[in-house]
Amino acid sequence: MGTSVSRMFETLFGCYHSQLSRVFTIKKRTYRVCFACGREIEYSWELMHAQPSSVADQACASLDTAMPVEASAS
């Protein structure tokens, strides 16, 4: 039962990334990996913590450029 409930929450809200690997730096990219879902989470050595995701910002930017506003034909 507990597993099905946690899967439902993960499906609805995403992974909480509570089990993370150590920090990796490969090809000038620094990140940690979530053991539960496999997501790579950017990491900042300067701030010593994970960087916030900019996926939503990138998605909004691509929507703005992909959907040009058309002038209304009257």
PDB file of N, CA and C in Angstrom:
ATOM      1  N   MET A   1       0.829  -1.205   0.000  1.00  0.00           N
ATOM      2  CA  MET A   1       0.000   0.000   0.000  1.00  0.00           C
ATOM      3  C   MET A   1       0.864   1.257   0.000  1.00  0.00           C
ATOM      4  N   GLY A   2       1.876   1.284   0.854  1.00  0.00           N
ATOM      5  CA  GLY A   2       2.739   2.456   0.937  1.00  0.00           C
ATOM      6  C   GLY A   2       3.449   2.753  -0.371  1.00  0.00           C
ATOM      7  N   THR A   3       3.823   1.714  -1.077  1.00  0.00           N
ATOM      8  CA  THR A   3       4.508   1.894  -2.355  1.00  0.00           C
ATOM      9  C   THR A   3       3.586   2.501  -3.393  1.00  0.00           C
ATOM     10  N   SER A   4       2.339   2.056  -3.443  1.00  0.00           N
ATOM     11  CA  SER A   4       1.408   2.602  -4.427  1.00  0.00           C
ATOM     12  C   SER A   4       1.088   4.066  -4.138  1.00  0.00           C
ATOM     13  N   VAL A   5       0.991   4.421  -2.875  1.00  0.00           N
ATOM     14  CA  VAL A   5       0.729   5.815  -2.509  1.00  0.00           C
ATOM     15  C   VAL A   5       1.924   6.687  -2.880  1.00  0.00           C
ATOM     16  N   SER A   6       3.127   6.211  -2.606  1.00  0.00           N
ATOM     17  CA  SER A   6       4.309   7.013  -2.943  1.00  0.00           C
ATOM     18  C   SER A   6       4.461   7.153  -4.455  1.00  0.00           C
ATOM     19  N   ARG A   7       4.111   6.109  -5.208  1.00  0.00           N
ATOM     20  CA  ARG A   7       4.151   6.205  -6.671  1.00  0.00           C
ATOM     21  C   ARG A   7       3.135   7.211  -7.178  1.00  0.00           C
ATOM     22  N   MET A   8       1.956   7.249  -6.554  1.00  0.00           N
ATOM     23  CA  MET A   8       0.933   8.201  -6.964  1.00  0.00           C
ATOM     24  C   MET A   8       1.432   9.634  -6.740  1.00  0.00           C
ATOM     25  N   PHE A   9       2.027   9.895  -5.568  1.00  0.00           N
ATOM     26  CA  PHE A   9       2.546  11.234  -5.289  1.00  0.00           C
ATOM     27  C   PHE A   9       3.688  11.591  -6.229  1.00  0.00           C
ATOM     28  N   GLU A  10       4.547  10.616  -6.539  1.00  0.00           N
ATOM     29  CA  GLU A  10       5.646  10.876  -7.461  1.00  0.00           C
ATOM     30  C   GLU A  10       5.119  11.197  -8.850  1.00  0.00           C
ATOM     31  N   THR A  11       4.074  10.507  -9.269  1.00  0.00           N
ATOM     32  CA  THR A  11       3.468  10.772 -10.572  1.00  0.00           C
ATOM     33  C   THR A  11       2.852  12.166 -10.605  1.00  0.00           C
ATOM     34  N   LEU A  12       2.168  12.544  -9.533  1.00  0.00           N
ATOM     35  CA  LEU A  12       1.498  13.844  -9.486  1.00  0.00           C
ATOM     36  C   LEU A  12       2.459  15.002  -9.258  1.00  0.00           C
ATOM     37  N   PHE A  13       3.394  14.827  -8.333  1.00  0.00           N
ATOM     38  CA  PHE A  13       4.230  15.945  -7.900  1.00  0.00           C
ATOM     39  C   PHE A  13       5.695  15.809  -8.271  1.00  0.00           C
ATOM     40  N   GLY A  14       6.109  14.677  -8.814  1.00  0.00           N
ATOM     41  CA  GLY A  14       7.506  14.476  -9.160  1.00  0.00           C
ATOM     42  C   GLY A  14       8.288  13.889  -8.002  1.00  0.00           C
ATOM     43  N   CYS A  15       9.531  13.622  -8.256  1.00  0.00           N
ATOM     44  CA  CYS A  15      10.405  13.004  -7.260  1.00  0.00           C
ATOM     45  C   CYS A  15      10.919  14.070  -6.288  1.00  0.00           C
ATOM     46  N   TYR A  16      11.069  13.686  -5.022  1.00  0.00           N
ATOM     47  CA  TYR A  16      11.588  14.628  -4.028  1.00  0.00           C
ATOM     48  C   TYR A  16      13.109  14.659  -4.002  1.00  0.00           C
ATOM     49  N   HIS A  17      13.764  13.757  -4.720  1.00  0.00           N
ATOM     50  CA  HIS A  17      15.219  13.694  -4.819  1.00  0.00           C
ATOM     51  C   HIS A  17      15.873  13.663  -3.439  1.00  0.00           C
ATOM     52  N   SER A  18      15.380  12.773  -2.579  1.00  0.00           N
ATOM     53  CA  SER A  18      15.911  12.696  -1.214  1.00  0.00           C
ATOM     54  C   SER A  18      17.144  11.798  -1.117  1.00  0.00           C
ATOM     55  N   GLN A  19      17.389  10.959  -2.124  1.00  0.00           N
ATOM     56  CA  GLN A  19      18.558  10.075  -2.119  1.00  0.00           C
ATOM     57  C   GLN A  19      19.458  10.458  -3.286  1.00  0.00           C
ATOM     58  N   LEU A  20      20.459  11.294  -3.004  1.00  0.00           N
ATOM     59  CA  LEU A  20      21.319  11.812  -4.055  1.00  0.00           C
ATOM     60  C   LEU A  20      22.731  11.242  -3.957  1.00  0.00           C
ATOM     61  N   SER A  21      23.375  11.136  -5.106  1.00  0.00           N
ATOM     62  CA  SER A  21      24.753  10.667  -5.169  1.00  0.00           C
ATOM     63  C   SER A  21      25.695  11.769  -4.685  1.00  0.00           C
ATOM     64  N   ARG A  22      26.968  11.429  -4.678  1.00  0.00           N
ATOM     65  CA  ARG A  22      27.969  12.459  -4.401  1.00  0.00           C
ATOM     66  C   ARG A  22      28.026  13.396  -5.604  1.00  0.00           C
ATOM     67  N   VAL A  23      28.784  14.463  -5.495  1.00  0.00           N
ATOM     68  CA  VAL A  23      28.898  15.441  -6.574  1.00  0.00           C
ATOM     69  C   VAL A  23      29.874  14.924  -7.638  1.00  0.00           C
ATOM     70  N   PHE A  24      29.461  15.018  -8.906  1.00  0.00           N
ATOM     71  CA  PHE A  24      30.308  14.648 -10.030  1.00  0.00           C
ATOM     72  C   PHE A  24      30.636  15.887 -10.845  1.00  0.00           C
ATOM     73  N   THR A  25      31.866  15.967 -11.364  1.00  0.00           N
ATOM     74  CA  THR A  25      32.209  16.988 -12.344  1.00  0.00           C
ATOM     75  C   THR A  25      32.782  16.266 -13.550  1.00  0.00           C
ATOM     76  N   ILE A  26      32.036  16.294 -14.639  1.00  0.00           N
ATOM     77  CA  ILE A  26      32.445  15.633 -15.871  1.00  0.00           C
ATOM     78  C   ILE A  26      32.238  16.610 -17.021  1.00  0.00           C
ATOM     79  N   LYS A  27      33.289  16.815 -17.810  1.00  0.00           N
ATOM     80  CA  LYS A  27      33.242  17.738 -18.960  1.00  0.00           C
ATOM     81  C   LYS A  27      32.741  19.118 -18.556  1.00  0.00           C
ATOM     82  N   LYS A  28      33.320  19.644 -17.487  1.00  0.00           N
ATOM     83  CA  LYS A  28      33.018  21.000 -16.981  1.00  0.00           C
ATOM     84  C   LYS A  28      31.573  21.170 -16.537  1.00  0.00           C
ATOM     85  N   ARG A  29      30.905  20.075 -16.217  1.00  0.00           N
ATOM     86  CA  ARG A  29      29.523  20.115 -15.732  1.00  0.00           C
ATOM     87  C   ARG A  29      29.479  19.434 -14.372  1.00  0.00           C
ATOM     88  N   THR A  30      28.958  20.122 -13.355  1.00  0.00           N
ATOM     89  CA  THR A  30      28.920  19.592 -12.001  1.00  0.00           C
ATOM     90  C   THR A  30      27.476  19.298 -11.623  1.00  0.00           C
ATOM     91  N   TYR A  31      27.228  18.064 -11.142  1.00  0.00           N
ATOM     92  CA  TYR A  31      25.863  17.656 -10.833  1.00  0.00           C
ATOM     93  C   TYR A  31      25.845  16.494  -9.859  1.00  0.00           C
ATOM     94  N   ARG A  32      24.658  16.212  -9.322  1.00  0.00           N
ATOM     95  CA  ARG A  32      24.385  15.037  -8.500  1.00  0.00           C
ATOM     96  C   ARG A  32      23.285  14.247  -9.206  1.00  0.00           C
ATOM     97  N   VAL A  33      23.194  12.957  -8.904  1.00  0.00           N
ATOM     98  CA  VAL A  33      22.188  12.107  -9.538  1.00  0.00           C
ATOM     99  C   VAL A  33      21.251  11.567  -8.469  1.00  0.00           C
ATOM    100  N   CYS A  34      19.947  11.609  -8.738  1.00  0.00           N
ATOM    101  CA  CYS A  34      18.947  11.059  -7.833  1.00  0.00           C
ATOM    102  C   CYS A  34      18.894   9.550  -8.044  1.00  0.00           C
ATOM    103  N   PHE A  35      19.055   8.772  -6.958  1.00  0.00           N
ATOM    104  CA  PHE A  35      19.008   7.320  -7.063  1.00  0.00           C
ATOM    105  C   PHE A  35      17.595   6.816  -7.374  1.00  0.00           C
ATOM    106  N   ALA A  36      16.572   7.562  -7.005  1.00  0.00           N
ATOM    107  CA  ALA A  36      15.186   7.117  -7.197  1.00  0.00           C
ATOM    108  C   ALA A  36      14.726   7.268  -8.644  1.00  0.00           C
ATOM    109  N   CYS A  37      15.018   8.419  -9.279  1.00  0.00           N
ATOM    110  CA  CYS A  37      14.484   8.662 -10.622  1.00  0.00           C
ATOM    111  C   CYS A  37      15.552   8.829 -11.693  1.00  0.00           C
ATOM    112  N   GLY A  38      16.819   8.994 -11.297  1.00  0.00           N
ATOM    113  CA  GLY A  38      17.896   9.125 -12.269  1.00  0.00           C
ATOM    114  C   GLY A  38      18.131  10.526 -12.788  1.00  0.00           C
ATOM    115  N   ARG A  39      17.414  11.500 -12.282  1.00  0.00           N
ATOM    116  CA  ARG A  39      17.565  12.870 -12.760  1.00  0.00           C
ATOM    117  C   ARG A  39      18.917  13.436 -12.334  1.00  0.00           C
ATOM    118  N   GLU A  40      19.540  14.187 -13.219  1.00  0.00           N
ATOM    119  CA  GLU A  40      20.796  14.862 -12.925  1.00  0.00           C
ATOM    120  C   GLU A  40      20.475  16.275 -12.460  1.00  0.00           C
ATOM    121  N   ILE A  41      20.940  16.623 -11.263  1.00  0.00           N
ATOM    122  CA  ILE A  41      20.632  17.910 -10.648  1.00  0.00           C
ATOM    123  C   ILE A  41      21.900  18.748 -10.618  1.00  0.00           C
ATOM    124  N   GLU A  42      21.858  19.893 -11.273  1.00  0.00           N
ATOM    125  CA  GLU A  42      23.019  20.776 -11.336  1.00  0.00           C
ATOM    126  C   GLU A  42      23.458  21.184  -9.932  1.00  0.00           C
ATOM    127  N   TYR A  43      24.771  21.336  -9.749  1.00  0.00           N
ATOM    128  CA  TYR A  43      25.341  21.647  -8.441  1.00  0.00           C
ATOM    129  C   TYR A  43      26.338  22.780  -8.590  1.00  0.00           C
ATOM    130  N   SER A  44      26.352  23.688  -7.629  1.00  0.00           N
ATOM    131  CA  SER A  44      27.272  24.814  -7.641  1.00  0.00           C
ATOM    132  C   SER A  44      28.326  24.636  -6.561  1.00  0.00           C
ATOM    133  N   TRP A  45      29.596  24.588  -6.970  1.00  0.00           N
ATOM    134  CA  TRP A  45      30.678  24.508  -5.982  1.00  0.00           C
ATOM    135  C   TRP A  45      30.796  25.818  -5.212  1.00  0.00           C
ATOM    136  N   GLU A  46      30.502  26.934  -5.861  1.00  0.00           N
ATOM    137  CA  GLU A  46      30.608  28.230  -5.190  1.00  0.00           C
ATOM    138  C   GLU A  46      29.592  28.357  -4.057  1.00  0.00           C
ATOM    139  N   LEU A  47      28.359  27.924  -4.311  1.00  0.00           N
ATOM    140  CA  LEU A  47      27.290  28.026  -3.313  1.00  0.00           C
ATOM    141  C   LEU A  47      27.191  26.781  -2.436  1.00  0.00           C
ATOM    142  N   MET A  48      27.840  25.691  -2.861  1.00  0.00           N
ATOM    143  CA  MET A  48      27.842  24.412  -2.143  1.00  0.00           C
ATOM    144  C   MET A  48      26.444  23.828  -1.965  1.00  0.00           C
ATOM    145  N   HIS A  49      25.595  23.979  -2.976  1.00  0.00           N
ATOM    146  CA  HIS A  49      24.282  23.325  -2.983  1.00  0.00           C
ATOM    147  C   HIS A  49      23.758  23.244  -4.405  1.00  0.00           C
ATOM    148  N   ALA A  50      22.662  22.530  -4.559  1.00  0.00           N
ATOM    149  CA  ALA A  50      22.079  22.326  -5.879  1.00  0.00           C
ATOM    150  C   ALA A  50      21.554  23.628  -6.457  1.00  0.00           C
ATOM    151  N   GLN A  51      21.633  23.739  -7.770  1.00  0.00           N
ATOM    152  CA  GLN A  51      21.106  24.911  -8.468  1.00  0.00           C
ATOM    153  C   GLN A  51      19.627  24.704  -8.727  1.00  0.00           C
ATOM    154  N   PRO A  52      18.830  25.756  -8.672  1.00  0.00           N
ATOM    155  CA  PRO A  52      17.407  25.607  -9.005  1.00  0.00           C
ATOM    156  C   PRO A  52      17.249  25.240 -10.471  1.00  0.00           C
ATOM    157  N   SER A  53      16.219  24.460 -10.740  1.00  0.00           N
ATOM    158  CA  SER A  53      15.960  24.015 -12.102  1.00  0.00           C
ATOM    159  C   SER A  53      15.445  25.173 -12.941  1.00  0.00           C
ATOM    160  N   SER A  54      15.938  25.269 -14.153  1.00  0.00           N
ATOM    161  CA  SER A  54      15.456  26.312 -15.061  1.00  0.00           C
ATOM    162  C   SER A  54      14.618  25.706 -16.177  1.00  0.00           C
ATOM    163  N   VAL A  55      14.122  24.493 -15.954  1.00  0.00           N
ATOM    164  CA  VAL A  55      13.327  23.813 -16.972  1.00  0.00           C
ATOM    165  C   VAL A  55      12.063  24.593 -17.289  1.00  0.00           C
ATOM    166  N   ALA A  56      11.388  25.096 -16.264  1.00  0.00           N
ATOM    167  CA  ALA A  56      10.154  25.859 -16.486  1.00  0.00           C
ATOM    168  C   ALA A  56      10.450  27.137 -17.264  1.00  0.00           C
ATOM    169  N   ASP A  57      11.561  27.799 -16.952  1.00  0.00           N
ATOM    170  CA  ASP A  57      11.924  29.008 -17.681  1.00  0.00           C
ATOM    171  C   ASP A  57      12.196  28.702 -19.142  1.00  0.00           C
ATOM    172  N   GLN A  58      12.890  27.601 -19.407  1.00  0.00           N
ATOM    173  CA  GLN A  58      13.186  27.219 -20.782  1.00  0.00           C
ATOM    174  C   GLN A  58      11.913  26.852 -21.532  1.00  0.00           C
ATOM    175  N   ALA A  59      10.987  26.173 -20.856  1.00  0.00           N
ATOM    176  CA  ALA A  59       9.731  25.776 -21.495  1.00  0.00           C
ATOM    177  C   ALA A  59       8.912  27.006 -21.864  1.00  0.00           C
ATOM    178  N   CYS A  60       8.843  27.975 -20.970  1.00  0.00           N
ATOM    179  CA  CYS A  60       8.083  29.195 -21.260  1.00  0.00           C
ATOM    180  C   CYS A  60       8.720  29.971 -22.405  1.00  0.00           C
ATOM    181  N   ALA A  61      10.034  30.019 -22.433  1.00  0.00           N
ATOM    182  CA  ALA A  61      10.723  30.741 -23.506  1.00  0.00           C
ATOM    183  C   ALA A  61      10.475  30.072 -24.846  1.00  0.00           C
ATOM    184  N   SER A  62      10.492  28.740 -24.871  1.00  0.00           N
ATOM    185  CA  SER A  62      10.266  28.053 -26.140  1.00  0.00           C
ATOM    186  C   SER A  62       8.821  28.211 -26.590  1.00  0.00           C
ATOM    187  N   LEU A  63       7.880  28.280 -25.667  1.00  0.00           N
ATOM    188  CA  LEU A  63       6.481  28.508 -26.045  1.00  0.00           C
ATOM    189  C   LEU A  63       6.291  29.901 -26.617  1.00  0.00           C
ATOM    190  N   ASP A  64       6.976  30.881 -26.040  1.00  0.00           N
ATOM    191  CA  ASP A  64       6.853  32.248 -26.534  1.00  0.00           C
ATOM    192  C   ASP A  64       7.366  32.374 -27.964  1.00  0.00           C
ATOM    193  N   THR A  65       8.443  31.675 -28.282  1.00  0.00           N
ATOM    194  CA  THR A  65       8.997  31.785 -29.630  1.00  0.00           C
ATOM    195  C   THR A  65       8.286  30.852 -30.617  1.00  0.00           C
ATOM    196  N   ALA A  66       7.707  29.761 -30.112  1.00  0.00           N
ATOM    197  CA  ALA A  66       7.079  28.789 -31.002  1.00  0.00           C
ATOM    198  C   ALA A  66       5.681  29.207 -31.434  1.00  0.00           C
ATOM    199  N   MET A  67       5.029  30.042 -30.653  1.00  0.00           N
ATOM    200  CA  MET A  67       3.651  30.417 -30.951  1.00  0.00           C
ATOM    201  C   MET A  67       3.561  31.925 -31.224  1.00  0.00           C
ATOM    202  N   PRO A  68       3.835  32.348 -32.443  1.00  0.00           N
ATOM    203  CA  PRO A  68       3.759  33.780 -32.741  1.00  0.00           C
ATOM    204  C   PRO A  68       2.319  34.281 -32.645  1.00  0.00           C
ATOM    205  N   VAL A  69       2.209  35.486 -32.233  1.00  0.00           N
ATOM    206  CA  VAL A  69       0.894  36.109 -32.113  1.00  0.00           C
ATOM    207  C   VAL A  69       0.472  36.590 -33.493  1.00  0.00           C
ATOM    208  N   GLU A  70      -0.700  36.166 -33.911  1.00  0.00           N
ATOM    209  CA  GLU A  70      -1.205  36.551 -35.236  1.00  0.00           C
ATOM    210  C   GLU A  70      -2.128  37.755 -35.094  1.00  0.00           C
ATOM    211  N   ALA A  71      -2.074  38.610 -36.064  1.00  0.00           N
ATOM    212  CA  ALA A  71      -2.987  39.756 -36.073  1.00  0.00           C
ATOM    213  C   ALA A  71      -4.385  39.262 -36.404  1.00  0.00           C
ATOM    214  N   SER A  72      -5.369  39.816 -35.755  1.00  0.00           N
ATOM    215  CA  SER A  72      -6.747  39.374 -35.999  1.00  0.00           C
ATOM    216  C   SER A  72      -7.191  39.847 -37.387  1.00  0.00           C
ATOM    217  N   ALA A  73      -7.794  38.923 -38.119  1.00  0.00           N
ATOM    218  CA  ALA A  73      -8.299  39.241 -39.463  1.00  0.00           C
ATOM    219  C   ALA A  73      -9.747  39.694 -39.338  1.00  0.00           C
ATOM    220  N   SER A  74      -9.981  40.960 -39.590  1.00  0.00           N
ATOM    221  CA  SER A  74     -11.344  41.483 -39.462  1.00  0.00           C
ATOM    222  C   SER A  74     -11.960  41.697 -40.815  1.00  0.00           C
TER     223      SER A  74
END
